[in-house]
Protein backbone atom coordinates (compact mmCIF):
# COMPACT_ATOMS: atom_id res chain seq x y z
CA MET A 1 0.00 0.00 0.00
CA GLY A 2 2.91 2.34 0.77
CA GLN A 3 4.39 1.76 -2.65
CA LEU A 4 1.03 2.47 -4.29
CA LEU A 5 0.74 5.77 -2.42
CA ALA A 6 4.34 6.67 -3.32
CA VAL A 7 3.67 6.02 -7.03
CA HIS A 8 0.45 7.99 -6.80
CA ASN A 9 2.23 10.93 -5.14
CA GLU A 10 4.95 10.84 -7.80
CA LYS A 11 2.33 10.94 -10.55
CA LEU A 12 0.61 13.89 -8.85
CA SER A 13 3.88 15.81 -8.49
CA LYS A 14 4.73 15.16 -12.18
CA GLN A 15 1.28 16.35 -13.17
CA ASP A 16 1.78 19.52 -11.10
CA GLU A 17 5.08 20.18 -12.94
CA ILE A 18 3.39 19.62 -16.29
CA ASP A 19 0.53 21.90 -15.28
CA SER A 20 2.92 24.68 -14.23
CA VAL A 21 4.78 24.41 -17.59
CA LEU A 22 1.49 24.50 -19.50
CA PHE A 23 0.20 27.49 -17.52
CA HIS A 24 3.49 29.29 -18.13
CA LYS A 25 3.19 28.64 -21.88
CA ILE A 26 -0.42 29.83 -21.86
CA ASP A 27 0.62 33.05 -20.09
CA GLU A 28 3.39 33.64 -22.66
CA LEU A 29 0.96 33.01 -25.49
CA ARG A 30 -1.58 35.41 -23.96
CA ALA A 31 1.06 38.14 -23.61
CA PHE A 32 2.24 37.60 -27.20
CA THR A 33 -1.35 37.66 -28.48
CA GLN A 34 -2.11 40.88 -26.62
CA GLU A 35 1.03 42.53 -27.98
CA GLU A 36 0.24 41.50 -31.56
CA THR A 37 -3.37 42.64 -31.12
CA LYS A 38 -2.17 46.09 -30.01
CA LYS A 39 0.12 46.32 -33.06
CA ILE A 40 -2.71 45.35 -35.40
CA LYS A 41 -5.08 47.81 -33.73
CA HIS A 42 -2.53 50.62 -34.02
CA GLY A 43 -1.99 49.82 -37.71
CA CYS A 44 -5.73 49.77 -38.41
CA GLU A 45 -6.23 53.11 -36.64
CA ARG A 46 -3.39 54.62 -38.70
CA ASP A 47 -4.92 53.30 -41.92
CA ILE A 48 -8.34 54.66 -40.96
CA ARG A 49 -6.83 58.11 -40.31
CA LEU A 50 -5.08 58.04 -43.71
CA VAL A 51 -8.29 57.05 -45.49
CA ASP A 52 -10.19 59.78 -43.62
CA LEU A 53 -7.65 62.42 -44.69
CA ARG A 54 -7.85 61.23 -48.29
CA LEU A 55 -11.65 61.35 -48.26
CA ARG A 56 -11.60 64.86 -46.82
CA SER A 57 -9.30 66.09 -49.59
CA ILE A 58 -11.48 64.44 -52.25
CA GLU A 59 -14.57 66.02 -50.65
CA LYS A 60 -12.96 69.48 -50.71
CA LYS A 61 -12.13 69.09 -54.41
CA MET A 62 -15.65 67.87 -55.14
CA TRP A 63 -17.24 70.89 -53.45
CA SER A 64 -14.85 73.26 -55.22
CA ILE A 65 -15.76 71.75 -58.59
CA ALA A 66 -19.48 71.85 -57.74
CA GLY A 67 -19.21 75.52 -56.77
CA ALA A 68 -17.31 76.40 -59.93
CA LEU A 69 -19.87 74.59 -62.09
CA THR A 70 -22.70 76.40 -60.30
CA ILE A 71 -21.11 79.80 -60.90
CA ILE A 72 -20.43 78.99 -64.56
CA SER A 73 -23.96 77.70 -65.14
CA ILE A 74 -25.45 80.84 -63.56
CA ALA A 75 -23.12 83.08 -65.56
CA VAL A 76 -24.18 81.60 -68.91
CA SER A 77 -27.89 81.34 -68.11
CA PRO A 78 -30.25 84.09 -69.33
CA ILE A 79 -30.79 85.34 -65.78
CA GLY A 80 -27.04 85.44 -65.16
CA VAL A 81 -26.38 87.31 -68.41
CA ARG A 82 -29.03 89.88 -67.48
CA PHE A 83 -27.56 90.23 -63.97
CA PHE A 84 -24.01 90.68 -65.20
CA SER A 85 -25.15 93.17 -67.84
CA LEU A 86 -26.57 95.29 -65.00
CA LEU A 87 -23.21 95.21 -63.25
CA THR A 88 -21.27 96.45 -66.25
CA PRO A 89 -21.85 100.03 -67.35
CA GLN A 90 -23.44 100.53 -70.75
CA SER A 91 -21.09 102.28 -73.04
CA THR A 92 -22.69 105.00 -75.05
CA SER A 93 -21.05 106.05 -78.19
CA ALA A 94 -20.56 109.71 -78.70
CA MET A 95 -19.86 111.13 -82.07
CA VAL A 96 -18.50 114.53 -82.70
CA THR A 97 -19.66 116.03 -85.93
CA ALA A 98 -18.04 119.03 -87.46
CA LYS A 99 -20.23 121.77 -88.90
């Protein structure tokens, strides 16, 4: 019976050693995973900021083009021509005739 208990105790102590090694490996893996996750998150945030900046610049160009097209379309429309003709003075021709 003593030998059986000794063998059983030895098996339990070996299992404890194996468990401690496995827990240590799990902790290392968790730390590595967290570090890699932070790197990926940082990279994604950087990419999102770059895309946002690019979209903002495209949006500014789009609004500038839309404004320019609006001004041009108003300028060449009949109402725009009439409006701009009011802003420019009418030149009257004066002729000097000799008598």
